[in-house]
Protein backbone atom coordinates (compact mmCIF):
# COMPACT_ATOMS: atom_id res chain seq x y z
CA MET A 1 59.71 106.68 134.44
CA GLY A 2 57.32 108.91 136.38
CA ASP A 3 60.22 110.76 138.05
CA VAL A 4 61.65 111.80 134.68
CA GLN A 5 58.26 113.11 133.61
CA LYS A 6 57.97 115.14 136.85
CA ILE A 7 61.43 116.63 136.30
CA ILE A 8 60.57 117.63 132.73
CA GLU A 9 57.30 119.13 133.95
CA ALA A 10 59.21 121.16 136.57
CA PHE A 11 61.47 122.58 133.85
CA ARG A 12 58.45 123.25 131.63
CA ALA A 13 56.80 125.16 134.51
CA ILE A 14 59.72 127.61 134.23
CA ASP A 15 59.65 127.68 130.43
CA PRO A 16 57.01 125.72 128.48
CA GLU A 17 59.28 125.68 125.41
CA MET A 18 62.54 124.70 127.16
CA LYS A 19 64.53 122.24 125.05
CA ALA A 20 66.12 119.06 126.40
CA GLN A 21 69.65 120.35 125.73
CA THR A 22 68.93 123.41 127.90
CA MET A 23 67.69 121.14 130.69
CA MET A 24 70.79 118.97 130.30
CA THR A 25 73.04 122.03 130.43
CA PHE A 26 71.44 123.06 133.73
CA LEU A 27 71.74 119.56 135.22
CA ILE A 28 75.44 119.29 134.35
CA ILE A 29 76.14 122.72 135.88
CA ALA A 30 74.23 121.58 138.97
CA LYS A 31 76.38 118.43 139.28
CA SER A 32 79.57 120.48 139.52
CA ASP A 33 80.72 121.37 143.03
CA GLU A 34 82.51 124.46 141.76
CA PRO A 35 82.19 126.90 138.88
CA ILE A 36 82.63 125.03 135.61
CA PRO A 37 84.51 126.41 132.61
CA MET A 38 82.27 126.84 129.56
CA ARG A 39 84.57 124.71 127.36
CA GLN A 40 84.36 121.81 129.82
CA LEU A 41 80.59 122.24 130.01
CA SER A 42 80.38 122.03 126.19
CA LYS A 43 82.30 118.74 126.23
CA LEU A 44 80.19 117.26 129.02
CA VAL A 45 76.90 118.21 127.32
CA GLY A 46 78.27 117.05 123.95
CA GLN A 47 77.38 120.15 121.99
CA ALA A 48 79.15 122.98 120.20
CA HIS A 49 80.47 125.86 122.27
CA SER A 50 77.98 128.22 120.57
CA SER A 51 75.05 125.98 121.60
CA THR A 52 76.33 125.81 125.17
CA SER A 53 76.67 129.59 125.27
CA ARG A 54 73.11 129.98 123.96
CA ASN A 55 71.75 127.56 126.58
CA VAL A 56 73.65 129.26 129.40
CA SER A 57 72.22 132.57 128.20
CA LEU A 58 68.67 131.17 128.34
CA LEU A 59 69.28 129.96 131.90
CA SER A 60 70.87 133.27 133.02
CA THR A 61 69.24 136.39 134.41
CA VAL A 62 69.27 138.16 131.04
CA ASN A 63 69.14 136.13 127.82
CA ARG A 64 71.09 136.87 124.65
CA PHE A 65 68.25 139.06 123.34
CA GLY A 66 68.44 141.33 126.41
CA ARG A 67 65.17 139.97 127.79
CA ASP A 68 64.60 138.47 131.22
CA GLY A 69 66.08 135.00 131.49
CA HIS A 70 65.35 132.30 134.04
CA GLY A 71 67.93 133.37 136.63
CA LEU A 72 69.08 129.80 137.32
CA VAL A 73 72.78 130.25 136.44
CA LYS A 74 75.35 133.02 136.30
CA SER A 75 78.47 133.29 134.19
CA TRP A 76 81.54 135.49 134.19
CA GLU A 77 84.89 135.87 132.48
CA ASP A 78 88.14 134.92 134.17
CA PRO A 79 89.76 138.28 134.99
CA ASN A 80 93.19 136.84 134.09
CA ASP A 81 92.11 135.29 130.79
CA ARG A 82 89.03 136.77 129.14
CA ARG A 83 88.80 133.77 126.80
CA VAL A 84 87.78 131.60 129.78
CA LYS A 85 84.20 131.86 131.01
CA TYR A 86 82.85 130.15 134.14
CA VAL A 87 79.29 129.11 134.97
CA GLU A 88 77.59 128.18 138.26
CA LEU A 89 74.12 128.02 139.78
CA THR A 90 72.51 131.08 141.32
CA TYR A 91 70.61 130.91 144.58
CA ARG A 92 67.44 130.36 142.53
CA GLY A 93 69.19 127.57 140.60
CA ARG A 94 70.22 125.84 143.84
CA ARG A 95 66.64 126.06 145.13
CA PHE A 96 65.35 124.62 141.85
CA ILE A 97 67.76 121.67 141.99
CA LYS A 98 66.56 120.91 145.53
CA LEU A 99 63.00 120.88 144.20
CA LEU A 100 64.06 118.43 141.46
CA GLU A 101 65.83 116.19 143.98
CA ALA A 102 62.63 116.03 146.03
CA LEU A 103 60.59 114.72 143.08
């Protein structure tokens, strides 16, 4: 149980008010070996697409309010189909997941 507490504390060091669903969104993105489509991410996290989009925004470089985000993930639209959006870890996100794995 101590490992889970350390992981939560690591997330809370980035954002003291980070919600569990935001942490879960990050962890599922981290588990994917390649960019993950937002719709698939929503299904895996078990939340509405709008909630997934909000959580990805919080984890991105700039959040949905135009303020600095956490810089852990990046997202982009498929140039062939703008309805499809992909998400993957940034360099900072990959470093953070290594820190979590070491706990």
